[in-house]
N, C-alpha and C. Protein backbone atom coordinates (compact mmCIF):
# COMPACT_ATOMS: atom_id res chain seq x y z
N UNK A 1 20.08 -24.13 43.26
CA UNK A 1 18.92 -23.43 43.75
C UNK A 1 18.04 -23.03 42.55
N UNK A 2 16.75 -23.27 42.62
CA UNK A 2 15.82 -22.97 41.54
C UNK A 2 15.53 -21.48 41.49
N UNK A 3 15.37 -20.97 40.27
CA UNK A 3 15.00 -19.56 40.09
C UNK A 3 13.55 -19.37 40.44
N UNK A 4 13.27 -18.27 41.09
CA UNK A 4 11.89 -17.95 41.45
C UNK A 4 11.24 -17.15 40.32
N UNK A 5 9.96 -17.39 40.11
CA UNK A 5 9.19 -16.57 39.18
C UNK A 5 8.78 -15.33 39.93
N UNK A 6 9.33 -14.18 39.53
CA UNK A 6 9.10 -12.94 40.27
C UNK A 6 7.91 -12.16 39.75
N UNK A 7 7.15 -12.71 38.80
CA UNK A 7 5.97 -11.99 38.31
C UNK A 7 4.77 -12.37 39.15
N UNK A 8 3.88 -11.44 39.27
CA UNK A 8 2.63 -11.70 39.98
C UNK A 8 1.53 -11.89 38.95
N UNK A 9 0.42 -12.51 39.32
CA UNK A 9 -0.65 -12.77 38.35
C UNK A 9 -1.18 -11.51 37.68
N UNK A 10 -1.09 -10.35 38.31
CA UNK A 10 -1.62 -9.11 37.74
C UNK A 10 -0.64 -8.39 36.84
N UNK A 11 0.62 -8.83 36.80
CA UNK A 11 1.61 -8.16 35.96
C UNK A 11 1.53 -8.69 34.54
N UNK A 12 1.77 -7.81 33.56
CA UNK A 12 1.75 -8.28 32.18
C UNK A 12 2.89 -9.25 31.92
N UNK A 13 2.63 -10.26 31.14
CA UNK A 13 3.62 -11.25 30.78
C UNK A 13 4.23 -10.91 29.42
N UNK A 14 5.46 -11.31 29.20
CA UNK A 14 6.12 -11.07 27.92
C UNK A 14 5.71 -12.10 26.87
N UNK A 15 4.97 -13.12 27.26
CA UNK A 15 4.63 -14.20 26.34
C UNK A 15 3.23 -14.07 25.75
N UNK A 16 2.74 -12.84 25.65
CA UNK A 16 1.39 -12.63 25.14
C UNK A 16 1.29 -12.89 23.64
N UNK A 17 2.39 -12.95 22.95
CA UNK A 17 2.37 -13.18 21.51
C UNK A 17 2.47 -11.88 20.73
N UNK A 18 2.44 -12.03 19.44
CA UNK A 18 2.58 -10.88 18.55
C UNK A 18 1.29 -10.06 18.51
N UNK A 19 1.45 -8.77 18.36
CA UNK A 19 0.29 -7.87 18.25
C UNK A 19 -0.37 -8.09 16.88
N UNK A 20 -1.60 -7.63 16.73
CA UNK A 20 -2.25 -7.75 15.41
C UNK A 20 -1.43 -7.07 14.30
N UNK A 21 -0.79 -5.93 14.59
CA UNK A 21 0.03 -5.27 13.59
C UNK A 21 1.23 -6.13 13.20
N UNK A 22 1.88 -6.72 14.19
CA UNK A 22 3.03 -7.59 13.91
C UNK A 22 2.58 -8.80 13.08
N UNK A 23 1.43 -9.36 13.42
CA UNK A 23 0.90 -10.49 12.65
C UNK A 23 0.55 -10.08 11.23
N UNK A 24 0.01 -8.88 11.08
CA UNK A 24 -0.32 -8.36 9.76
C UNK A 24 0.92 -8.31 8.88
N UNK A 25 2.00 -7.76 9.40
CA UNK A 25 3.22 -7.64 8.61
C UNK A 25 3.86 -9.01 8.36
N UNK A 26 3.71 -9.91 9.29
CA UNK A 26 4.21 -11.28 9.08
C UNK A 26 3.43 -11.96 7.95
N UNK A 27 2.12 -11.77 7.95
CA UNK A 27 1.29 -12.33 6.86
C UNK A 27 1.72 -11.75 5.52
N UNK A 28 2.03 -10.46 5.50
CA UNK A 28 2.47 -9.81 4.26
C UNK A 28 3.82 -10.34 3.80
N UNK A 29 4.74 -10.53 4.73
CA UNK A 29 6.08 -11.03 4.36
C UNK A 29 6.02 -12.45 3.82
N UNK A 30 5.13 -13.28 4.39
CA UNK A 30 5.09 -14.70 4.04
C UNK A 30 4.00 -15.06 3.03
N UNK A 31 3.26 -14.05 2.53
CA UNK A 31 2.15 -14.28 1.60
C UNK A 31 1.17 -15.29 2.18
N UNK A 32 0.83 -15.10 3.45
CA UNK A 32 -0.01 -16.03 4.20
C UNK A 32 -1.43 -15.46 4.33
N UNK A 33 -2.28 -15.81 3.39
CA UNK A 33 -3.65 -15.30 3.36
C UNK A 33 -4.46 -15.84 4.53
N UNK A 34 -4.20 -17.09 4.95
CA UNK A 34 -4.92 -17.65 6.10
C UNK A 34 -4.66 -16.82 7.36
N UNK A 35 -3.40 -16.45 7.59
CA UNK A 35 -3.07 -15.62 8.75
C UNK A 35 -3.74 -14.25 8.63
N UNK A 36 -3.72 -13.67 7.45
CA UNK A 36 -4.39 -12.37 7.25
C UNK A 36 -5.87 -12.48 7.60
N UNK A 37 -6.53 -13.52 7.11
CA UNK A 37 -7.96 -13.69 7.40
C UNK A 37 -8.21 -13.86 8.89
N UNK A 38 -7.34 -14.60 9.59
CA UNK A 38 -7.47 -14.76 11.04
C UNK A 38 -7.36 -13.40 11.74
N UNK A 39 -6.40 -12.61 11.33
CA UNK A 39 -6.21 -11.29 11.94
C UNK A 39 -7.44 -10.42 11.71
N UNK A 40 -7.90 -10.37 10.47
CA UNK A 40 -9.05 -9.53 10.14
C UNK A 40 -10.30 -9.97 10.90
N UNK A 41 -10.48 -11.28 11.03
CA UNK A 41 -11.62 -11.79 11.79
C UNK A 41 -11.51 -11.44 13.27
N UNK A 42 -10.29 -11.53 13.81
CA UNK A 42 -10.10 -11.29 15.24
C UNK A 42 -10.30 -9.83 15.63
N UNK A 43 -10.06 -8.90 14.70
CA UNK A 43 -10.22 -7.49 15.06
C UNK A 43 -11.57 -6.93 14.64
N UNK A 44 -12.31 -7.66 13.80
CA UNK A 44 -13.62 -7.19 13.37
C UNK A 44 -14.52 -7.05 14.59
N UNK A 45 -15.14 -5.91 14.69
CA UNK A 45 -16.03 -5.64 15.82
C UNK A 45 -15.33 -4.94 16.97
N UNK A 46 -14.02 -5.08 17.07
CA UNK A 46 -13.29 -4.42 18.15
C UNK A 46 -12.50 -3.21 17.65
N UNK A 47 -12.16 -3.23 16.38
CA UNK A 47 -11.36 -2.17 15.77
C UNK A 47 -11.93 -1.87 14.41
N UNK A 48 -11.89 -0.60 14.02
CA UNK A 48 -12.31 -0.21 12.68
C UNK A 48 -11.29 -0.76 11.70
N UNK A 49 -11.71 -1.69 10.84
CA UNK A 49 -10.80 -2.38 9.94
C UNK A 49 -10.04 -1.45 9.00
N UNK A 50 -10.72 -0.52 8.29
CA UNK A 50 -9.94 0.37 7.42
C UNK A 50 -8.91 1.20 8.21
N UNK A 51 -9.26 1.65 9.39
CA UNK A 51 -8.32 2.41 10.21
C UNK A 51 -7.13 1.54 10.59
N UNK A 52 -7.40 0.31 11.01
CA UNK A 52 -6.31 -0.62 11.36
C UNK A 52 -5.37 -0.81 10.18
N UNK A 53 -5.91 -1.08 9.00
CA UNK A 53 -5.08 -1.34 7.82
C UNK A 53 -4.36 -0.08 7.35
N UNK A 54 -5.03 1.07 7.43
CA UNK A 54 -4.46 2.31 6.91
C UNK A 54 -3.49 2.99 7.87
N UNK A 55 -3.50 2.59 9.13
CA UNK A 55 -2.62 3.25 10.09
C UNK A 55 -1.51 2.35 10.63
N UNK A 56 -1.55 1.07 10.34
CA UNK A 56 -0.50 0.16 10.80
C UNK A 56 0.75 0.38 9.95
N UNK A 57 1.85 0.67 10.63
CA UNK A 57 3.14 0.90 9.95
C UNK A 57 4.21 0.07 10.64
N UNK A 58 5.17 -0.39 9.86
CA UNK A 58 6.30 -1.10 10.45
C UNK A 58 7.37 -0.08 10.87
N UNK A 59 8.49 -0.56 11.33
CA UNK A 59 9.54 0.33 11.83
C UNK A 59 10.11 1.23 10.72
N UNK A 60 9.98 0.82 9.46
CA UNK A 60 10.47 1.63 8.34
C UNK A 60 9.43 2.63 7.84
N UNK A 61 8.26 2.64 8.47
CA UNK A 61 7.21 3.56 8.04
C UNK A 61 6.44 3.07 6.83
N UNK A 62 6.51 1.76 6.60
CA UNK A 62 5.79 1.16 5.48
C UNK A 62 4.49 0.56 5.99
N UNK A 63 3.50 0.54 5.13
CA UNK A 63 2.21 -0.03 5.48
C UNK A 63 2.10 -1.43 4.87
N UNK A 64 1.03 -2.12 5.18
CA UNK A 64 0.86 -3.51 4.76
C UNK A 64 1.02 -3.68 3.25
N UNK A 65 0.45 -2.77 2.46
CA UNK A 65 0.58 -2.90 1.01
C UNK A 65 2.04 -2.80 0.57
N UNK A 66 2.79 -1.88 1.19
CA UNK A 66 4.21 -1.75 0.86
C UNK A 66 4.95 -3.06 1.12
N UNK A 67 4.72 -3.63 2.29
CA UNK A 67 5.44 -4.85 2.69
C UNK A 67 5.04 -6.02 1.79
N UNK A 68 3.77 -6.14 1.50
CA UNK A 68 3.32 -7.23 0.63
C UNK A 68 3.99 -7.13 -0.74
N UNK A 69 4.03 -5.94 -1.30
CA UNK A 69 4.63 -5.76 -2.62
C UNK A 69 6.13 -5.98 -2.56
N UNK A 70 6.78 -5.42 -1.56
CA UNK A 70 8.23 -5.55 -1.43
C UNK A 70 8.65 -7.02 -1.34
N UNK A 71 7.79 -7.83 -0.74
CA UNK A 71 8.10 -9.26 -0.58
C UNK A 71 7.54 -10.12 -1.72
N UNK A 72 6.90 -9.50 -2.69
CA UNK A 72 6.33 -10.26 -3.80
C UNK A 72 5.15 -11.11 -3.40
N UNK A 73 4.44 -10.70 -2.35
CA UNK A 73 3.30 -11.45 -1.82
C UNK A 73 2.03 -11.09 -2.58
N UNK A 74 1.91 -11.67 -3.75
CA UNK A 74 0.82 -11.37 -4.67
C UNK A 74 -0.55 -11.70 -4.08
N UNK A 75 -0.67 -12.86 -3.44
CA UNK A 75 -1.97 -13.29 -2.89
C UNK A 75 -2.43 -12.36 -1.77
N UNK A 76 -1.50 -11.95 -0.93
CA UNK A 76 -1.83 -11.01 0.15
C UNK A 76 -2.23 -9.66 -0.43
N UNK A 77 -1.48 -9.21 -1.43
CA UNK A 77 -1.81 -7.94 -2.08
C UNK A 77 -3.23 -7.98 -2.60
N UNK A 78 -3.59 -9.04 -3.28
CA UNK A 78 -4.93 -9.20 -3.83
C UNK A 78 -5.97 -9.19 -2.71
N UNK A 79 -5.69 -9.91 -1.63
CA UNK A 79 -6.64 -9.96 -0.50
C UNK A 79 -6.78 -8.60 0.18
N UNK A 80 -5.67 -7.89 0.34
CA UNK A 80 -5.73 -6.56 0.96
C UNK A 80 -6.53 -5.59 0.10
N UNK A 81 -6.32 -5.64 -1.20
CA UNK A 81 -7.02 -4.73 -2.09
C UNK A 81 -8.52 -4.99 -2.13
N UNK A 82 -8.95 -6.14 -1.65
CA UNK A 82 -10.38 -6.45 -1.55
C UNK A 82 -11.03 -5.82 -0.32
N UNK A 83 -10.22 -5.26 0.57
CA UNK A 83 -10.74 -4.70 1.81
C UNK A 83 -11.30 -3.30 1.57
N UNK A 84 -12.56 -3.11 1.91
CA UNK A 84 -13.22 -1.83 1.72
C UNK A 84 -12.56 -0.76 2.59
N UNK A 85 -12.34 0.39 2.01
CA UNK A 85 -11.77 1.52 2.74
C UNK A 85 -10.26 1.54 2.79
N UNK A 86 -9.60 0.59 2.13
CA UNK A 86 -8.14 0.54 2.13
C UNK A 86 -7.58 1.65 1.25
N UNK A 87 -6.64 2.40 1.76
CA UNK A 87 -5.94 3.43 1.00
C UNK A 87 -4.94 2.75 0.07
N UNK A 88 -5.08 2.95 -1.25
CA UNK A 88 -4.21 2.26 -2.19
C UNK A 88 -2.93 3.04 -2.51
N UNK A 89 -2.85 4.28 -2.08
CA UNK A 89 -1.67 5.10 -2.34
C UNK A 89 -1.03 5.63 -1.05
N UNK A 90 -0.85 4.77 -0.04
CA UNK A 90 -0.18 5.29 1.16
C UNK A 90 1.28 5.61 0.82
N UNK A 91 1.82 6.59 1.49
CA UNK A 91 3.18 7.05 1.24
C UNK A 91 4.09 6.51 2.33
N UNK A 92 5.19 5.87 1.91
CA UNK A 92 6.17 5.38 2.90
C UNK A 92 6.92 6.58 3.47
N UNK A 93 7.34 6.45 4.71
CA UNK A 93 8.02 7.58 5.37
C UNK A 93 9.42 7.84 4.83
N UNK A 94 10.16 6.80 4.53
CA UNK A 94 11.56 6.99 4.14
C UNK A 94 11.71 7.66 2.77
N UNK A 95 11.13 7.07 1.75
CA UNK A 95 11.33 7.57 0.39
C UNK A 95 10.08 8.20 -0.21
N UNK A 96 9.02 8.28 0.59
CA UNK A 96 7.74 8.82 0.13
C UNK A 96 7.27 8.11 -1.15
N UNK A 97 7.30 6.78 -1.08
CA UNK A 97 6.87 5.97 -2.22
C UNK A 97 5.55 5.27 -1.91
N UNK A 98 4.80 5.03 -2.96
CA UNK A 98 3.54 4.29 -2.83
C UNK A 98 3.82 2.81 -3.11
N UNK A 99 2.86 1.94 -2.81
CA UNK A 99 3.03 0.53 -3.18
C UNK A 99 3.24 0.35 -4.69
N UNK A 100 2.69 1.24 -5.50
CA UNK A 100 2.90 1.15 -6.94
C UNK A 100 4.37 1.38 -7.30
N UNK A 101 5.04 2.27 -6.58
CA UNK A 101 6.49 2.44 -6.78
C UNK A 101 7.20 1.12 -6.46
N UNK A 102 6.84 0.51 -5.34
CA UNK A 102 7.47 -0.75 -4.93
C UNK A 102 7.23 -1.84 -5.99
N UNK A 103 5.99 -1.90 -6.51
CA UNK A 103 5.66 -2.93 -7.52
C UNK A 103 6.45 -2.69 -8.80
N UNK A 104 6.56 -1.44 -9.20
CA UNK A 104 7.34 -1.13 -10.41
C UNK A 104 8.79 -1.55 -10.22
N UNK A 105 9.35 -1.29 -9.06
CA UNK A 105 10.73 -1.68 -8.77
C UNK A 105 10.86 -3.20 -8.73
N UNK A 106 9.82 -3.90 -8.27
CA UNK A 106 9.86 -5.36 -8.15
C UNK A 106 9.98 -6.03 -9.52
N UNK A 107 9.64 -5.32 -10.59
CA UNK A 107 9.78 -5.92 -11.92
C UNK A 107 11.24 -6.28 -12.21
N UNK A 108 12.18 -5.65 -11.53
CA UNK A 108 13.59 -6.00 -11.67
C UNK A 108 13.96 -7.27 -10.94
N UNK A 109 13.17 -7.66 -9.95
CA UNK A 109 13.40 -8.89 -9.19
C UNK A 109 12.71 -10.07 -9.87
N UNK A 110 11.44 -9.87 -10.20
CA UNK A 110 10.65 -10.90 -10.87
C UNK A 110 9.66 -10.18 -11.78
N UNK A 111 9.96 -10.16 -13.05
CA UNK A 111 9.17 -9.38 -14.02
C UNK A 111 7.71 -9.80 -14.03
N UNK A 112 7.45 -11.10 -13.96
CA UNK A 112 6.07 -11.58 -14.04
C UNK A 112 5.26 -11.17 -12.80
N UNK A 113 5.79 -11.44 -11.63
CA UNK A 113 5.09 -11.07 -10.39
C UNK A 113 4.96 -9.56 -10.28
N UNK A 114 6.04 -8.86 -10.58
CA UNK A 114 6.01 -7.39 -10.52
C UNK A 114 4.96 -6.81 -11.44
N UNK A 115 4.87 -7.32 -12.65
CA UNK A 115 3.88 -6.79 -13.59
C UNK A 115 2.46 -7.10 -13.14
N UNK A 116 2.25 -8.26 -12.54
CA UNK A 116 0.92 -8.59 -12.02
C UNK A 116 0.56 -7.68 -10.85
N UNK A 117 1.53 -7.37 -10.00
CA UNK A 117 1.26 -6.48 -8.87
C UNK A 117 0.96 -5.06 -9.36
N UNK A 118 1.70 -4.59 -10.37
CA UNK A 118 1.42 -3.28 -10.95
C UNK A 118 -0.01 -3.25 -11.48
N UNK A 119 -0.38 -4.29 -12.19
CA UNK A 119 -1.72 -4.37 -12.77
C UNK A 119 -2.80 -4.34 -11.69
N UNK A 120 -2.61 -5.14 -10.63
CA UNK A 120 -3.59 -5.15 -9.53
C UNK A 120 -3.75 -3.77 -8.91
N UNK A 121 -2.63 -3.11 -8.66
CA UNK A 121 -2.68 -1.80 -8.01
C UNK A 121 -3.34 -0.75 -8.90
N UNK A 122 -3.01 -0.76 -10.18
CA UNK A 122 -3.62 0.21 -11.10
C UNK A 122 -5.12 -0.04 -11.19
N UNK A 123 -5.53 -1.31 -11.29
CA UNK A 123 -6.96 -1.64 -11.33
C UNK A 123 -7.68 -1.20 -10.06
N UNK A 124 -6.95 -1.21 -8.93
CA UNK A 124 -7.55 -0.81 -7.66
C UNK A 124 -7.58 0.71 -7.49
N UNK A 125 -7.00 1.44 -8.45
CA UNK A 125 -7.05 2.90 -8.39
C UNK A 125 -5.77 3.58 -7.97
N UNK A 126 -4.66 2.86 -7.90
CA UNK A 126 -3.39 3.49 -7.54
C UNK A 126 -3.04 4.54 -8.60
N UNK A 127 -2.51 5.66 -8.15
CA UNK A 127 -2.21 6.79 -9.04
C UNK A 127 -0.77 6.72 -9.54
N UNK A 128 -0.57 6.47 -10.83
CA UNK A 128 0.78 6.36 -11.39
C UNK A 128 1.48 7.70 -11.55
N UNK A 129 0.78 8.81 -11.25
CA UNK A 129 1.38 10.14 -11.39
C UNK A 129 2.14 10.58 -10.15
N UNK A 130 1.94 9.89 -9.04
CA UNK A 130 2.58 10.32 -7.79
C UNK A 130 4.08 10.13 -7.85
N UNK A 131 4.80 11.11 -7.35
CA UNK A 131 6.26 11.07 -7.36
C UNK A 131 6.80 10.84 -5.96
N UNK A 132 7.93 10.16 -5.90
CA UNK A 132 8.60 9.87 -4.63
C UNK A 132 9.42 11.08 -4.19
N UNK A 133 10.06 10.95 -3.08
CA UNK A 133 10.95 11.99 -2.58
C UNK A 133 12.05 12.28 -3.62
N UNK A 134 12.47 11.26 -4.33
CA UNK A 134 13.48 11.41 -5.37
C UNK A 134 12.91 11.88 -6.70
N UNK A 135 11.65 12.32 -6.71
CA UNK A 135 10.96 12.84 -7.90
C UNK A 135 10.77 11.79 -8.99
N UNK A 136 10.63 10.54 -8.58
CA UNK A 136 10.40 9.46 -9.55
C UNK A 136 8.96 8.99 -9.49
N UNK A 137 8.40 8.77 -10.65
CA UNK A 137 7.09 8.15 -10.75
C UNK A 137 7.33 6.63 -10.85
N UNK A 138 6.30 5.83 -10.61
CA UNK A 138 6.48 4.38 -10.72
C UNK A 138 7.07 3.93 -12.06
N UNK A 139 6.65 4.54 -13.16
CA UNK A 139 7.16 4.15 -14.48
C UNK A 139 8.68 4.31 -14.56
N UNK A 140 9.24 5.23 -13.80
CA UNK A 140 10.69 5.45 -13.80
C UNK A 140 11.45 4.31 -13.14
N UNK A 141 10.74 3.48 -12.37
CA UNK A 141 11.38 2.40 -11.61
C UNK A 141 11.23 1.02 -12.24
N UNK A 142 10.47 0.95 -13.32
CA UNK A 142 10.22 -0.33 -13.99
C UNK A 142 11.51 -0.81 -14.66
N UNK A 143 11.75 -2.10 -14.55
CA UNK A 143 12.90 -2.71 -15.23
C UNK A 143 12.80 -2.40 -16.72
N UNK A 144 13.89 -1.94 -17.35
CA UNK A 144 13.85 -1.57 -18.77
C UNK A 144 13.39 -2.70 -19.70
N UNK A 145 13.52 -3.94 -19.28
CA UNK A 145 13.09 -5.08 -20.10
C UNK A 145 11.58 -5.29 -20.07
N UNK A 146 10.88 -4.58 -19.21
CA UNK A 146 9.43 -4.76 -19.04
C UNK A 146 8.67 -3.64 -19.76
N UNK A 147 8.79 -3.61 -21.06
CA UNK A 147 8.20 -2.54 -21.86
C UNK A 147 6.67 -2.51 -21.73
N UNK A 148 6.02 -3.67 -21.63
CA UNK A 148 4.56 -3.70 -21.50
C UNK A 148 4.11 -3.03 -20.20
N UNK A 149 4.86 -3.21 -19.14
CA UNK A 149 4.53 -2.58 -17.86
C UNK A 149 4.67 -1.07 -18.00
N UNK A 150 5.73 -0.62 -18.66
CA UNK A 150 5.93 0.81 -18.89
C UNK A 150 4.75 1.40 -19.68
N UNK A 151 4.36 0.71 -20.73
CA UNK A 151 3.23 1.18 -21.55
C UNK A 151 1.95 1.24 -20.72
N UNK A 152 1.73 0.22 -19.93
CA UNK A 152 0.54 0.16 -19.08
C UNK A 152 0.51 1.32 -18.09
N UNK A 153 1.65 1.61 -17.47
CA UNK A 153 1.71 2.72 -16.51
C UNK A 153 1.55 4.07 -17.21
N UNK A 154 2.12 4.21 -18.39
CA UNK A 154 1.95 5.45 -19.15
C UNK A 154 0.48 5.67 -19.52
N UNK A 155 -0.20 4.61 -19.94
CA UNK A 155 -1.62 4.69 -20.26
C UNK A 155 -2.45 5.04 -19.02
N UNK A 156 -2.11 4.41 -17.89
CA UNK A 156 -2.82 4.69 -16.64
C UNK A 156 -2.59 6.13 -16.19
N UNK A 157 -1.39 6.63 -16.43
CA UNK A 157 -1.08 8.02 -16.06
C UNK A 157 -1.92 8.99 -16.88
N UNK A 158 -2.04 8.74 -18.16
CA UNK A 158 -2.87 9.59 -19.02
C UNK A 158 -4.33 9.52 -18.55
N UNK A 159 -4.82 8.32 -18.28
CA UNK A 159 -6.20 8.16 -17.83
C UNK A 159 -6.44 8.88 -16.51
N UNK A 160 -5.47 8.82 -15.60
CA UNK A 160 -5.60 9.52 -14.30
C UNK A 160 -5.64 11.02 -14.51
N UNK A 161 -4.82 11.52 -15.42
CA UNK A 161 -4.81 12.95 -15.70
C UNK A 161 -6.11 13.42 -16.33
N UNK A 162 -6.66 12.61 -17.23
CA UNK A 162 -7.93 12.94 -17.86
C UNK A 162 -9.03 12.97 -16.80
N UNK A 163 -9.04 11.96 -15.93
CA UNK A 163 -10.06 11.89 -14.87
C UNK A 163 -9.97 13.10 -13.95
N UNK A 164 -8.76 13.50 -13.58
CA UNK A 164 -8.58 14.67 -12.73
C UNK A 164 -9.08 15.92 -13.43
N UNK A 165 -8.83 16.03 -14.73
CA UNK A 165 -9.32 17.18 -15.50
C UNK A 165 -10.83 17.24 -15.54
N UNK A 166 -11.45 16.09 -15.71
CA UNK A 166 -12.92 16.02 -15.71
C UNK A 166 -13.47 16.45 -14.36
N UNK A 167 -12.87 15.95 -13.29
CA UNK A 167 -13.32 16.31 -11.95
C UNK A 167 -13.14 17.81 -11.70
N UNK A 168 -12.02 18.37 -12.16
CA UNK A 168 -11.76 19.80 -11.98
C UNK A 168 -12.81 20.63 -12.71
N UNK A 169 -13.10 20.26 -13.97
CA UNK A 169 -14.10 20.99 -14.74
C UNK A 169 -15.48 20.87 -14.13
N UNK A 170 -15.84 19.70 -13.63
CA UNK A 170 -17.15 19.51 -12.99
C UNK A 170 -17.26 20.38 -11.74
N UNK A 171 -16.19 20.45 -10.96
CA UNK A 171 -16.20 21.27 -9.75
C UNK A 171 -16.33 22.75 -10.11
N UNK A 172 -15.62 23.19 -11.14
CA UNK A 172 -15.71 24.58 -11.57
C UNK A 172 -17.10 24.90 -12.08
N UNK A 173 -17.69 23.98 -12.82
CA UNK A 173 -19.04 24.18 -13.35
C UNK A 173 -20.04 24.36 -12.21
N UNK A 174 -19.85 23.60 -11.16
CA UNK A 174 -20.76 23.67 -10.00
C UNK A 174 -20.41 24.83 -9.08
N UNK A 175 -19.30 25.50 -9.35
CA UNK A 175 -18.89 26.61 -8.49
C UNK A 175 -18.23 26.14 -7.21
N UNK A 176 -17.74 24.90 -7.21
CA UNK A 176 -17.10 24.34 -6.03
C UNK A 176 -15.59 24.42 -6.17
N UNK A 177 -14.91 24.39 -5.05
CA UNK A 177 -13.45 24.34 -5.07
C UNK A 177 -13.03 22.93 -5.45
N UNK A 178 -11.96 22.82 -6.22
CA UNK A 178 -11.44 21.52 -6.62
C UNK A 178 -10.20 21.23 -5.81
N UNK A 179 -10.16 20.06 -5.18
CA UNK A 179 -9.02 19.66 -4.34
C UNK A 179 -8.14 18.71 -5.13
N UNK A 180 -6.98 19.20 -5.58
CA UNK A 180 -6.05 18.35 -6.33
C UNK A 180 -5.61 17.14 -5.52
N UNK A 181 -5.54 17.26 -4.19
CA UNK A 181 -5.15 16.13 -3.35
C UNK A 181 -6.15 14.99 -3.49
N UNK A 182 -7.42 15.31 -3.58
CA UNK A 182 -8.44 14.28 -3.73
C UNK A 182 -8.40 13.66 -5.12
N UNK A 183 -7.85 14.37 -6.09
CA UNK A 183 -7.78 13.86 -7.46
C UNK A 183 -6.53 13.05 -7.70
N UNK A 184 -5.69 12.89 -6.68
CA UNK A 184 -4.52 12.05 -6.83
C UNK A 184 -3.23 12.78 -7.12
N UNK A 185 -3.24 14.11 -7.04
CA UNK A 185 -1.98 14.82 -7.27
C UNK A 185 -1.57 15.53 -5.99
N UNK A 186 -1.44 14.76 -4.94
CA UNK A 186 -1.13 15.27 -3.62
C UNK A 186 0.30 15.74 -3.48
N UNK A 187 0.78 15.86 -2.25
CA UNK A 187 2.07 16.46 -1.99
C UNK A 187 3.24 15.73 -2.63
N UNK A 188 3.08 14.43 -2.95
CA UNK A 188 4.20 13.70 -3.54
C UNK A 188 4.21 13.81 -5.06
N UNK A 189 3.32 14.61 -5.61
CA UNK A 189 3.21 14.68 -7.06
C UNK A 189 3.55 16.06 -7.59
N UNK A 190 4.20 16.08 -8.71
CA UNK A 190 4.47 17.32 -9.43
C UNK A 190 3.83 17.25 -10.80
N UNK A 191 2.70 16.59 -10.91
CA UNK A 191 2.12 16.28 -12.21
C UNK A 191 1.45 17.48 -12.86
N UNK A 192 1.20 18.54 -12.17
CA UNK A 192 0.51 19.65 -12.78
C UNK A 192 1.33 20.91 -12.75
């Protein structure tokens, strides 16, 4: 006896395919820039792109940048960082780490790719002063054999601190309140 299809035309089907968020994370895992571009094109006009990118999280509480870095997806990372309005320091839910923490850790897997990802993130404005739940900064996670990456992160940390100091002084001069969170020393940081 043949099985009957018990769904009606108005009922949702299970074969609708992956959601845009699922496709986004798949593109990040596979370093598939073509898939990323398809997703971004398909949601343009229907969804606010920065909101989509900044609020999409996987089951581990990681965002697209986290997944791209964790998987060594350099091309996707570069393409994501080109998106206007993208938050470069999102905090993962589990360990309260930024993508820069993930990139620093990746230097132990592949020093060359990891160092390039660190460089991309720092150039995009990632804050090397932010600390994880375990009170570690990205420089603390760099493979000990990657001395140039350590030096680069230390230099970026100094530059970030100087920039925050300049912003604080400018705000005080104008008689305005200075928000340390806006300067990159938010809740995950103990830099001051």
